[in-house]
Amino acid sequence: MGFTKIEHFEDVFIEEARIFKALGHPARLAIVKMLLEKRTCVGTDFTVSIPLAQPTISQHLRELKDAGIIRGRVEGTAVCYCVNIDVIDKMKSSFLPILNDFIKSQNCDC
């Protein structure tokens, strides 16, 4: 893949692209969905619902954490994860108005 010139884009687009890239894997989407439903989870909770090995899940958790989508807090020997509400609010305020306008118009030009 060629080199992209991200410096030509606004910072908000670069940040949103980083978030969407981190969400670009089914396992990471499953993790976020689980966190949204349960509000918080310990790292080992994911192996019950997601058919991947713990080290693989840990890698996905790290990707989500590096992108700022989730937060982790050490509790004894475990890590408790939750969704970063600030990122959810940013994405909601950025995309929800556009999506709502599109849905209301129910119009696609193709």
PDB file of N, CA and C in Angstrom:
ATOM      1  N   MET A   1       0.834  -1.166   0.000  1.00  0.00           N
ATOM      2  CA  MET A   1       0.000   0.000   0.000  1.00  0.00           C
ATOM      3  C   MET A   1       0.884   1.237   0.000  1.00  0.00           C
ATOM      4  N   GLY A   2       0.476   2.256  -0.723  1.00  0.00           N
ATOM      5  CA  GLY A   2       1.265   3.468  -0.838  1.00  0.00           C
ATOM      6  C   GLY A   2       1.233   4.310   0.420  1.00  0.00           C
ATOM      7  N   PHE A   3       2.142   5.243   0.476  1.00  0.00           N
ATOM      8  CA  PHE A   3       2.251   6.171   1.589  1.00  0.00           C
ATOM      9  C   PHE A   3       1.132   7.201   1.489  1.00  0.00           C
ATOM     10  N   THR A   4       0.414   7.415   2.568  1.00  0.00           N
ATOM     11  CA  THR A   4      -0.652   8.413   2.551  1.00  0.00           C
ATOM     12  C   THR A   4      -0.164   9.705   3.182  1.00  0.00           C
ATOM     13  N   LYS A   5      -0.674  10.797   2.705  1.00  0.00           N
ATOM     14  CA  LYS A   5      -0.274  12.108   3.207  1.00  0.00           C
ATOM     15  C   LYS A   5      -1.335  12.626   4.161  1.00  0.00           C
ATOM     16  N   ILE A   6      -1.289  12.138   5.399  1.00  0.00           N
ATOM     17  CA  ILE A   6      -2.321  12.506   6.356  1.00  0.00           C
ATOM     18  C   ILE A   6      -2.224  13.963   6.791  1.00  0.00           C
ATOM     19  N   GLU A   7      -1.081  14.580   6.575  1.00  0.00           N
ATOM     20  CA  GLU A   7      -0.937  15.976   7.010  1.00  0.00           C
ATOM     21  C   GLU A   7      -1.854  16.922   6.237  1.00  0.00           C
ATOM     22  N   HIS A   8      -2.449  16.450   5.152  1.00  0.00           N
ATOM     23  CA  HIS A   8      -3.371  17.264   4.367  1.00  0.00           C
ATOM     24  C   HIS A   8      -4.774  17.298   4.966  1.00  0.00           C
ATOM     25  N   PHE A   9      -4.999  16.512   6.006  1.00  0.00           N
ATOM     26  CA  PHE A   9      -6.328  16.400   6.590  1.00  0.00           C
ATOM     27  C   PHE A   9      -6.373  17.054   7.964  1.00  0.00           C
ATOM     28  N   GLU A  10      -7.579  17.481   8.343  1.00  0.00           N
ATOM     29  CA  GLU A  10      -7.773  18.081   9.661  1.00  0.00           C
ATOM     30  C   GLU A  10      -7.478  17.055  10.745  1.00  0.00           C
ATOM     31  N   ASP A  11      -7.033  17.538  11.891  1.00  0.00           N
ATOM     32  CA  ASP A  11      -6.714  16.651  13.011  1.00  0.00           C
ATOM     33  C   ASP A  11      -7.898  15.780  13.417  1.00  0.00           C
ATOM     34  N   VAL A  12      -9.103  16.336  13.334  1.00  0.00           N
ATOM     35  CA  VAL A  12     -10.292  15.569  13.728  1.00  0.00           C
ATOM     36  C   VAL A  12     -10.468  14.349  12.825  1.00  0.00           C
ATOM     37  N   PHE A  13     -10.175  14.477  11.536  1.00  0.00           N
ATOM     38  CA  PHE A  13     -10.285  13.339  10.619  1.00  0.00           C
ATOM     39  C   PHE A  13      -9.213  12.294  10.902  1.00  0.00           C
ATOM     40  N   ILE A  14      -8.032  12.746  11.238  1.00  0.00           N
ATOM     41  CA  ILE A  14      -6.938  11.821  11.559  1.00  0.00           C
ATOM     42  C   ILE A  14      -7.288  11.024  12.811  1.00  0.00           C
ATOM     43  N   GLU A  15      -7.821  11.704  13.820  1.00  0.00           N
ATOM     44  CA  GLU A  15      -8.216  11.036  15.065  1.00  0.00           C
ATOM     45  C   GLU A  15      -9.350  10.040  14.821  1.00  0.00           C
ATOM     46  N   GLU A  16     -10.362  10.443  14.076  1.00  0.00           N
ATOM     47  CA  GLU A  16     -11.486   9.548  13.797  1.00  0.00           C
ATOM     48  C   GLU A  16     -11.045   8.340  12.977  1.00  0.00           C
ATOM     49  N   ALA A  17     -10.149   8.541  12.038  1.00  0.00           N
ATOM     50  CA  ALA A  17      -9.641   7.428  11.232  1.00  0.00           C
ATOM     51  C   ALA A  17      -8.889   6.429  12.112  1.00  0.00           C
ATOM     52  N   ARG A  18      -8.139   6.935  13.075  1.00  0.00           N
ATOM     53  CA  ARG A  18      -7.402   6.065  14.000  1.00  0.00           C
ATOM     54  C   ARG A  18      -8.375   5.213  14.818  1.00  0.00           C
ATOM     55  N   ILE A  19      -9.475   5.828  15.244  1.00  0.00           N
ATOM     56  CA  ILE A  19     -10.485   5.106  16.023  1.00  0.00           C
ATOM     57  C   ILE A  19     -11.165   4.050  15.157  1.00  0.00           C
ATOM     58  N   PHE A  20     -11.578   4.445  13.937  1.00  0.00           N
ATOM     59  CA  PHE A  20     -12.234   3.482  13.055  1.00  0.00           C
ATOM     60  C   PHE A  20     -11.297   2.340  12.672  1.00  0.00           C
ATOM     61  N   LYS A  21     -10.020   2.641  12.498  1.00  0.00           N
ATOM     62  CA  LYS A  21      -9.059   1.582  12.178  1.00  0.00           C
ATOM     63  C   LYS A  21      -8.971   0.582  13.332  1.00  0.00           C
ATOM     64  N   ALA A  22      -8.959   1.088  14.553  1.00  0.00           N
ATOM     65  CA  ALA A  22      -8.904   0.191  15.711  1.00  0.00           C
ATOM     66  C   ALA A  22     -10.164  -0.655  15.817  1.00  0.00           C
ATOM     67  N   LEU A  23     -11.291  -0.134  15.352  1.00  0.00           N
ATOM     68  CA  LEU A  23     -12.548  -0.878  15.391  1.00  0.00           C
ATOM     69  C   LEU A  23     -12.711  -1.795  14.183  1.00  0.00           C
ATOM     70  N   GLY A  24     -11.728  -1.820  13.307  1.00  0.00           N
ATOM     71  CA  GLY A  24     -11.820  -2.552  12.056  1.00  0.00           C
ATOM     72  C   GLY A  24     -11.541  -4.039  12.143  1.00  0.00           C
ATOM     73  N   HIS A  25     -11.818  -4.650  13.258  1.00  0.00           N
ATOM     74  CA  HIS A  25     -11.651  -6.096  13.415  1.00  0.00           C
ATOM     75  C   HIS A  25     -12.851  -6.622  14.193  1.00  0.00           C
ATOM     76  N   PRO A  26     -13.441  -7.748  13.759  1.00  0.00           N
ATOM     77  CA  PRO A  26     -14.630  -8.277  14.448  1.00  0.00           C
ATOM     78  C   PRO A  26     -14.419  -8.538  15.942  1.00  0.00           C
ATOM     79  N   ALA A  27     -13.237  -8.984  16.322  1.00  0.00           N
ATOM     80  CA  ALA A  27     -12.986  -9.255  17.745  1.00  0.00           C
ATOM     81  C   ALA A  27     -13.020  -7.963  18.552  1.00  0.00           C
ATOM     82  N   ARG A  28     -12.452  -6.897  18.000  1.00  0.00           N
ATOM     83  CA  ARG A  28     -12.448  -5.621  18.722  1.00  0.00           C
ATOM     84  C   ARG A  28     -13.855  -5.042  18.799  1.00  0.00           C
ATOM     85  N   LEU A  29     -14.645  -5.208  17.748  1.00  0.00           N
ATOM     86  CA  LEU A  29     -16.044  -4.771  17.804  1.00  0.00           C
ATOM     87  C   LEU A  29     -16.802  -5.565  18.868  1.00  0.00           C
ATOM     88  N   ALA A  30     -16.548  -6.858  18.943  1.00  0.00           N
ATOM     89  CA  ALA A  30     -17.205  -7.702  19.953  1.00  0.00           C
ATOM     90  C   ALA A  30     -16.809  -7.259  21.364  1.00  0.00           C
ATOM     91  N   ILE A  31     -15.557  -6.923  21.547  1.00  0.00           N
ATOM     92  CA  ILE A  31     -15.079  -6.459  22.854  1.00  0.00           C
ATOM     93  C   ILE A  31     -15.793  -5.162  23.240  1.00  0.00           C
ATOM     94  N   VAL A  32     -15.847  -4.203  22.322  1.00  0.00           N
ATOM     95  CA  VAL A  32     -16.497  -2.919  22.614  1.00  0.00           C
ATOM     96  C   VAL A  32     -17.978  -3.119  22.890  1.00  0.00           C
ATOM     97  N   LYS A  33     -18.630  -3.961  22.083  1.00  0.00           N
ATOM     98  CA  LYS A  33     -20.060  -4.230  22.301  1.00  0.00           C
ATOM     99  C   LYS A  33     -20.275  -4.830  23.687  1.00  0.00           C
ATOM    100  N   MET A  34     -19.432  -5.768  24.063  1.00  0.00           N
ATOM    101  CA  MET A  34     -19.537  -6.394  25.372  1.00  0.00           C
ATOM    102  C   MET A  34     -19.356  -5.366  26.491  1.00  0.00           C
ATOM    103  N   LEU A  35     -18.397  -4.478  26.327  1.00  0.00           N
ATOM    104  CA  LEU A  35     -18.160  -3.443  27.336  1.00  0.00           C
ATOM    105  C   LEU A  35     -19.324  -2.455  27.416  1.00  0.00           C
ATOM    106  N   LEU A  36     -19.912  -2.140  26.278  1.00  0.00           N
ATOM    107  CA  LEU A  36     -21.060  -1.238  26.284  1.00  0.00           C
ATOM    108  C   LEU A  36     -22.258  -1.874  26.991  1.00  0.00           C
ATOM    109  N   GLU A  37     -22.426  -3.166  26.806  1.00  0.00           N
ATOM    110  CA  GLU A  37     -23.549  -3.874  27.429  1.00  0.00           C
ATOM    111  C   GLU A  37     -23.344  -4.092  28.928  1.00  0.00           C
ATOM    112  N   LYS A  38     -22.118  -4.458  29.302  1.00  0.00           N
ATOM    113  CA  LYS A  38     -21.841  -4.800  30.705  1.00  0.00           C
ATOM    114  C   LYS A  38     -21.280  -3.638  31.513  1.00  0.00           C
ATOM    115  N   ARG A  39     -20.884  -2.573  30.846  1.00  0.00           N
ATOM    116  CA  ARG A  39     -20.291  -1.376  31.471  1.00  0.00           C
ATOM    117  C   ARG A  39     -18.832  -1.573  31.874  1.00  0.00           C
ATOM    118  N   THR A  40     -18.473  -2.745  32.349  1.00  0.00           N
ATOM    119  CA  THR A  40     -17.100  -3.014  32.751  1.00  0.00           C
ATOM    120  C   THR A  40     -16.844  -4.521  32.706  1.00  0.00           C
ATOM    121  N   CYS A  41     -15.618  -4.907  32.415  1.00  0.00           N
ATOM    122  CA  CYS A  41     -15.249  -6.326  32.356  1.00  0.00           C
ATOM    123  C   CYS A  41     -13.810  -6.500  32.794  1.00  0.00           C
ATOM    124  N   VAL A  42     -13.546  -7.641  33.396  1.00  0.00           N
ATOM    125  CA  VAL A  42     -12.173  -8.036  33.697  1.00  0.00           C
ATOM    126  C   VAL A  42     -11.653  -8.748  32.453  1.00  0.00           C
ATOM    127  N   GLY A  43     -10.381  -8.591  32.159  1.00  0.00           N
ATOM    128  CA  GLY A  43      -9.783  -9.149  30.949  1.00  0.00           C
ATOM    129  C   GLY A  43     -10.141 -10.589  30.658  1.00  0.00           C
ATOM    130  N   THR A  44     -10.208 -11.418  31.674  1.00  0.00           N
ATOM    131  CA  THR A  44     -10.518 -12.837  31.455  1.00  0.00           C
ATOM    132  C   THR A  44     -11.984 -13.078  31.105  1.00  0.00           C
ATOM    133  N   ASP A  45     -12.870 -12.107  31.347  1.00  0.00           N
ATOM    134  CA  ASP A  45     -14.296 -12.258  31.002  1.00  0.00           C
ATOM    135  C   ASP A  45     -14.505 -12.432  29.495  1.00  0.00           C
ATOM    136  N   PHE A  46     -13.625 -11.870  28.711  1.00  0.00           N
ATOM    137  CA  PHE A  46     -13.803 -11.882  27.263  1.00  0.00           C
ATOM    138  C   PHE A  46     -13.645 -13.273  26.657  1.00  0.00           C
ATOM    139  N   THR A  47     -12.849 -14.117  27.284  1.00  0.00           N
ATOM    140  CA  THR A  47     -12.618 -15.455  26.723  1.00  0.00           C
ATOM    141  C   THR A  47     -13.864 -16.324  26.769  1.00  0.00           C
ATOM    142  N   VAL A  48     -14.825 -15.968  27.609  1.00  0.00           N
ATOM    143  CA  VAL A  48     -16.074 -16.723  27.691  1.00  0.00           C
ATOM    144  C   VAL A  48     -16.934 -16.468  26.449  1.00  0.00           C
ATOM    145  N   SER A  49     -16.954 -15.227  25.981  1.00  0.00           N
ATOM    146  CA  SER A  49     -17.832 -14.837  24.866  1.00  0.00           C
ATOM    147  C   SER A  49     -17.146 -14.765  23.510  1.00  0.00           C
ATOM    148  N   ILE A  50     -15.849 -14.576  23.519  1.00  0.00           N
ATOM    149  CA  ILE A  50     -15.115 -14.398  22.267  1.00  0.00           C
ATOM    150  C   ILE A  50     -14.228 -15.620  22.043  1.00  0.00           C
ATOM    151  N   PRO A  51     -14.398 -16.304  20.910  1.00  0.00           N
ATOM    152  CA  PRO A  51     -13.688 -17.569  20.678  1.00  0.00           C
ATOM    153  C   PRO A  51     -12.225 -17.394  20.255  1.00  0.00           C
ATOM    154  N   LEU A  52     -11.471 -16.714  21.097  1.00  0.00           N
ATOM    155  CA  LEU A  52     -10.051 -16.507  20.837  1.00  0.00           C
ATOM    156  C   LEU A  52      -9.264 -16.802  22.104  1.00  0.00           C
ATOM    157  N   ALA A  53      -7.995 -17.098  21.950  1.00  0.00           N
ATOM    158  CA  ALA A  53      -7.122 -17.340  23.096  1.00  0.00           C
ATOM    159  C   ALA A  53      -6.893 -16.045  23.865  1.00  0.00           C
ATOM    160  N   GLN A  54      -6.627 -16.171  25.155  1.00  0.00           N
ATOM    161  CA  GLN A  54      -6.416 -14.996  26.006  1.00  0.00           C
ATOM    162  C   GLN A  54      -5.308 -14.073  25.479  1.00  0.00           C
ATOM    163  N   PRO A  55      -4.161 -14.608  25.017  1.00  0.00           N
ATOM    164  CA  PRO A  55      -3.134 -13.695  24.496  1.00  0.00           C
ATOM    165  C   PRO A  55      -3.625 -12.882  23.282  1.00  0.00           C
ATOM    166  N   THR A  56      -4.440 -13.496  22.439  1.00  0.00           N
ATOM    167  CA  THR A  56      -4.981 -12.800  21.270  1.00  0.00           C
ATOM    168  C   THR A  56      -5.953 -11.706  21.714  1.00  0.00           C
ATOM    169  N   ILE A  57      -6.793 -12.027  22.680  1.00  0.00           N
ATOM    170  CA  ILE A  57      -7.719 -11.027  23.216  1.00  0.00           C
ATOM    171  C   ILE A  57      -6.936  -9.885  23.852  1.00  0.00           C
ATOM    172  N   SER A  58      -5.880 -10.197  24.544  1.00  0.00           N
ATOM    173  CA  SER A  58      -5.040  -9.159  25.157  1.00  0.00           C
ATOM    174  C   SER A  58      -4.457  -8.219  24.111  1.00  0.00           C
ATOM    175  N   GLN A  59      -4.060  -8.765  22.956  1.00  0.00           N
ATOM    176  CA  GLN A  59      -3.550  -7.921  21.871  1.00  0.00           C
ATOM    177  C   GLN A  59      -4.639  -6.979  21.364  1.00  0.00           C
ATOM    178  N   HIS A  60      -5.862  -7.495  21.220  1.00  0.00           N
ATOM    179  CA  HIS A  60      -6.971  -6.658  20.762  1.00  0.00           C
ATOM    180  C   HIS A  60      -7.310  -5.590  21.803  1.00  0.00           C
ATOM    181  N   LEU A  61      -7.267  -5.954  23.067  1.00  0.00           N
ATOM    182  CA  LEU A  61      -7.501  -4.972  24.130  1.00  0.00           C
ATOM    183  C   LEU A  61      -6.451  -3.869  24.087  1.00  0.00           C
ATOM    184  N   ARG A  62      -5.221  -4.232  23.825  1.00  0.00           N
ATOM    185  CA  ARG A  62      -4.137  -3.248  23.736  1.00  0.00           C
ATOM    186  C   ARG A  62      -4.374  -2.297  22.568  1.00  0.00           C
ATOM    187  N   GLU A  63      -4.818  -2.823  21.420  1.00  0.00           N
ATOM    188  CA  GLU A  63      -5.123  -1.972  20.259  1.00  0.00           C
ATOM    189  C   GLU A  63      -6.218  -0.964  20.598  1.00  0.00           C
ATOM    190  N   LEU A  64      -7.275  -1.448  21.253  1.00  0.00           N
ATOM    191  CA  LEU A  64      -8.383  -0.571  21.628  1.00  0.00           C
ATOM    192  C   LEU A  64      -7.944   0.473  22.655  1.00  0.00           C
ATOM    193  N   LYS A  65      -7.109   0.059  23.572  1.00  0.00           N
ATOM    194  CA  LYS A  65      -6.607   0.979  24.597  1.00  0.00           C
ATOM    195  C   LYS A  65      -5.670   2.015  23.984  1.00  0.00           C
ATOM    196  N   ASP A  66      -4.799   1.580  23.082  1.00  0.00           N
ATOM    197  CA  ASP A  66      -3.881   2.521  22.411  1.00  0.00           C
ATOM    198  C   ASP A  66      -4.632   3.563  21.585  1.00  0.00           C
ATOM    199  N   ALA A  67      -5.782   3.171  21.043  1.00  0.00           N
ATOM    200  CA  ALA A  67      -6.595   4.104  20.261  1.00  0.00           C
ATOM    201  C   ALA A  67      -7.449   5.001  21.154  1.00  0.00           C
ATOM    202  N   GLY A  68      -7.457   4.726  22.456  1.00  0.00           N
ATOM    203  CA  GLY A  68      -8.220   5.536  23.395  1.00  0.00           C
ATOM    204  C   GLY A  68      -9.685   5.139  23.514  1.00  0.00           C
ATOM    205  N   ILE A  69     -10.068   4.043  22.876  1.00  0.00           N
ATOM    206  CA  ILE A  69     -11.471   3.626  22.872  1.00  0.00           C
ATOM    207  C   ILE A  69     -11.879   3.026  24.210  1.00  0.00           C
ATOM    208  N   ILE A  70     -10.941   2.330  24.858  1.00  0.00           N
ATOM    209  CA  ILE A  70     -11.217   1.745  26.165  1.00  0.00           C
ATOM    210  C   ILE A  70     -10.153   2.191  27.157  1.00  0.00           C
ATOM    211  N   ARG A  71     -10.484   2.007  28.421  1.00  0.00           N
ATOM    212  CA  ARG A  71      -9.548   2.281  29.508  1.00  0.00           C
ATOM    213  C   ARG A  71      -9.401   1.012  30.330  1.00  0.00           C
ATOM    214  N   GLY A  72      -8.239   0.868  30.949  1.00  0.00           N
ATOM    215  CA  GLY A  72      -8.004  -0.281  31.812  1.00  0.00           C
ATOM    216  C   GLY A  72      -7.507   0.169  33.173  1.00  0.00           C
ATOM    217  N   ARG A  73      -7.972  -0.519  34.207  1.00  0.00           N
ATOM    218  CA  ARG A  73      -7.572  -0.193  35.577  1.00  0.00           C
ATOM    219  C   ARG A  73      -7.184  -1.497  36.263  1.00  0.00           C
ATOM    220  N   VAL A  74      -6.036  -1.523  36.890  1.00  0.00           N
ATOM    221  CA  VAL A  74      -5.557  -2.719  37.578  1.00  0.00           C
ATOM    222  C   VAL A  74      -6.311  -2.862  38.895  1.00  0.00           C
ATOM    223  N   GLU A  75      -6.874  -4.052  39.089  1.00  0.00           N
ATOM    224  CA  GLU A  75      -7.559  -4.394  40.339  1.00  0.00           C
ATOM    225  C   GLU A  75      -6.980  -5.697  40.846  1.00  0.00           C
ATOM    226  N   GLY A  76      -6.050  -5.598  41.754  1.00  0.00           N
ATOM    227  CA  GLY A  76      -5.354  -6.795  42.249  1.00  0.00           C
ATOM    228  C   GLY A  76      -4.493  -7.384  41.155  1.00  0.00           C
ATOM    229  N   THR A  77      -4.795  -8.631  40.760  1.00  0.00           N
ATOM    230  CA  THR A  77      -4.020  -9.285  39.705  1.00  0.00           C
ATOM    231  C   THR A  77      -4.713  -9.200  38.349  1.00  0.00           C
ATOM    232  N   ALA A  78      -5.880  -8.559  38.296  1.00  0.00           N
ATOM    233  CA  ALA A  78      -6.647  -8.469  37.052  1.00  0.00           C
ATOM    234  C   ALA A  78      -6.697  -7.020  36.559  1.00  0.00           C
ATOM    235  N   VAL A  79      -7.073  -6.884  35.291  1.00  0.00           N
ATOM    236  CA  VAL A  79      -7.287  -5.560  34.714  1.00  0.00           C
ATOM    237  C   VAL A  79      -8.764  -5.442  34.373  1.00  0.00           C
ATOM    238  N   CYS A  80      -9.374  -4.377  34.855  1.00  0.00           N
ATOM    239  CA  CYS A  80     -10.792  -4.106  34.615  1.00  0.00           C
ATOM    240  C   CYS A  80     -10.877  -3.073  33.483  1.00  0.00           C
ATOM    241  N   TYR A  81     -11.665  -3.385  32.448  1.00  0.00           N
ATOM    242  CA  TYR A  81     -11.773  -2.511  31.284  1.00  0.00           C
ATOM    243  C   TYR A  81     -13.148  -1.868  31.211  1.00  0.00           C
ATOM    244  N   CYS A  82     -13.183  -0.659  30.645  1.00  0.00           N
ATOM    245  CA  CYS A  82     -14.447   0.032  30.380  1.00  0.00           C
ATOM    246  C   CYS A  82     -14.262   0.897  29.129  1.00  0.00           C
ATOM    247  N   VAL A  83     -15.380   1.281  28.533  1.00  0.00           N
ATOM    248  CA  VAL A  83     -15.346   2.137  27.347  1.00  0.00           C
ATOM    249  C   VAL A  83     -15.018   3.563  27.781  1.00  0.00           C
ATOM    250  N   ASN A  84     -14.196   4.234  27.006  1.00  0.00           N
ATOM    251  CA  ASN A  84     -13.855   5.633  27.257  1.00  0.00           C
ATOM    252  C   ASN A  84     -15.001   6.497  26.734  1.00  0.00           C
ATOM    253  N   ILE A  85     -15.816   6.992  27.623  1.00  0.00           N
ATOM    254  CA  ILE A  85     -17.010   7.742  27.245  1.00  0.00           C
ATOM    255  C   ILE A  85     -16.666   9.012  26.458  1.00  0.00           C
ATOM    256  N   ASP A  86     -15.501   9.593  26.692  1.00  0.00           N
ATOM    257  CA  ASP A  86     -15.098  10.794  25.954  1.00  0.00           C
ATOM    258  C   ASP A  86     -14.983  10.515  24.459  1.00  0.00           C
ATOM    259  N   VAL A  87     -14.439   9.358  24.111  1.00  0.00           N
ATOM    260  CA  VAL A  87     -14.306   8.985  22.697  1.00  0.00           C
ATOM    261  C   VAL A  87     -15.684   8.723  22.099  1.00  0.00           C
ATOM    262  N   ILE A  88     -16.546   8.053  22.847  1.00  0.00           N
ATOM    263  CA  ILE A  88     -17.908   7.787  22.369  1.00  0.00           C
ATOM    264  C   ILE A  88     -18.635   9.107  22.129  1.00  0.00           C
ATOM    265  N   ASP A  89     -18.501  10.047  23.045  1.00  0.00           N
ATOM    266  CA  ASP A  89     -19.147  11.358  22.885  1.00  0.00           C
ATOM    267  C   ASP A  89     -18.627  12.094  21.652  1.00  0.00           C
ATOM    268  N   LYS A  90     -17.316  12.037  21.426  1.00  0.00           N
ATOM    269  CA  LYS A  90     -16.735  12.701  20.247  1.00  0.00           C
ATOM    270  C   LYS A  90     -17.286  12.101  18.957  1.00  0.00           C
ATOM    271  N   MET A  91     -17.310  10.775  18.893  1.00  0.00           N
ATOM    272  CA  MET A  91     -17.798  10.113  17.686  1.00  0.00           C
ATOM    273  C   MET A  91     -19.292  10.370  17.491  1.00  0.00           C
ATOM    274  N   LYS A  92     -20.032  10.363  18.581  1.00  0.00           N
ATOM    275  CA  LYS A  92     -21.469  10.610  18.513  1.00  0.00           C
ATOM    276  C   LYS A  92     -21.743  12.031  18.011  1.00  0.00           C
ATOM    277  N   SER A  93     -21.039  13.011  18.552  1.00  0.00           N
ATOM    278  CA  SER A  93     -21.281  14.395  18.139  1.00  0.00           C
ATOM    279  C   SER A  93     -20.802  14.644  16.717  1.00  0.00           C
ATOM    280  N   SER A  94     -19.840  13.870  16.268  1.00  0.00           N
ATOM    281  CA  SER A  94     -19.324  14.042  14.918  1.00  0.00           C
ATOM    282  C   SER A  94     -20.208  13.385  13.869  1.00  0.00           C
ATOM    283  N   PHE A  95     -20.679  12.165  14.155  1.00  0.00           N
ATOM    284  CA  PHE A  95     -21.377  11.397  13.128  1.00  0.00           C
ATOM    285  C   PHE A  95     -22.892  11.329  13.271  1.00  0.00           C
ATOM    286  N   LEU A  96     -23.401  11.419  14.491  1.00  0.00           N
ATOM    287  CA  LEU A  96     -24.839  11.274  14.677  1.00  0.00           C
ATOM    288  C   LEU A  96     -25.661  12.312  13.909  1.00  0.00           C
ATOM    289  N   PRO A  97     -25.297  13.588  13.945  1.00  0.00           N
ATOM    290  CA  PRO A  97     -26.084  14.561  13.171  1.00  0.00           C
ATOM    291  C   PRO A  97     -26.087  14.267  11.664  1.00  0.00           C
ATOM    292  N   ILE A  98     -24.958  13.850  11.137  1.00  0.00           N
ATOM    293  CA  ILE A  98     -24.867  13.535   9.710  1.00  0.00           C
ATOM    294  C   ILE A  98     -25.714  12.303   9.386  1.00  0.00           C
ATOM    295  N   LEU A  99     -25.613  11.276  10.222  1.00  0.00           N
ATOM    296  CA  LEU A  99     -26.399  10.057  10.003  1.00  0.00           C
ATOM    297  C   LEU A  99     -27.896  10.333  10.118  1.00  0.00           C
ATOM    298  N   ASN A 100     -28.277  11.131  11.103  1.00  0.00           N
ATOM    299  CA  ASN A 100     -29.697  11.454  11.263  1.00  0.00           C
ATOM    300  C   ASN A 100     -30.230  12.213  10.053  1.00  0.00           C
ATOM    301  N   ASP A 101     -29.464  13.174   9.540  1.00  0.00           N
ATOM    302  CA  ASP A 101     -29.881  13.917   8.348  1.00  0.00           C
ATOM    303  C   ASP A 101     -30.026  12.986   7.149  1.00  0.00           C
ATOM    304  N   PHE A 102     -29.088  12.065   7.001  1.00  0.00           N
ATOM    305  CA  PHE A 102     -29.142  11.123   5.892  1.00  0.00           C
ATOM    306  C   PHE A 102     -30.373  10.225   6.000  1.00  0.00           C
ATOM    307  N   ILE A 103     -30.610   9.717   7.207  1.00  0.00           N
ATOM    308  CA  ILE A 103     -31.766   8.833   7.428  1.00  0.00           C
ATOM    309  C   ILE A 103     -33.068   9.579   7.173  1.00  0.00           C
ATOM    310  N   LYS A 104     -33.164  10.824   7.618  1.00  0.00           N
ATOM    311  CA  LYS A 104     -34.377  11.615   7.406  1.00  0.00           C
ATOM    312  C   LYS A 104     -34.650  11.836   5.933  1.00  0.00           C
ATOM    313  N   SER A 105     -33.594  12.099   5.192  1.00  0.00           N
ATOM    314  CA  SER A 105     -33.786  12.357   3.756  1.00  0.00           C
ATOM    315  C   SER A 105     -34.028  11.074   2.979  1.00  0.00           C
ATOM    316  N   GLN A 106     -33.549   9.948   3.512  1.00  0.00           N
ATOM    317  CA  GLN A 106     -33.656   8.641   2.853  1.00  0.00           C
ATOM    318  C   GLN A 106     -33.343   8.764   1.363  1.00  0.00           C
ATOM    319  N   ASN A 107     -32.283   9.449   1.115  1.00  0.00           N
ATOM    320  CA  ASN A 107     -31.944   9.762  -0.267  1.00  0.00           C
ATOM    321  C   ASN A 107     -30.497   9.372  -0.555  1.00  0.00           C
ATOM    322  N   CYS A 108     -30.350   8.636  -1.616  1.00  0.00           N
ATOM    323  CA  CYS A 108     -29.020   8.300  -2.095  1.00  0.00           C
ATOM    324  C   CYS A 108     -29.017   8.588  -3.588  1.00  0.00           C
ATOM    325  N   ASP A 109     -28.017   9.267  -4.046  1.00  0.00           N
ATOM    326  CA  ASP A 109     -27.992   9.706  -5.440  1.00  0.00           C
ATOM    327  C   ASP A 109     -27.484   8.652  -6.418  1.00  0.00           C
ATOM    328  N   CYS A 110     -27.247   7.439  -5.977  1.00  0.00           N
ATOM    329  CA  CYS A 110     -26.758   6.439  -6.932  1.00  0.00           C
ATOM    330  C   CYS A 110     -27.777   5.381  -7.234  1.00  0.00           C
TER     331      CYS A 110
END
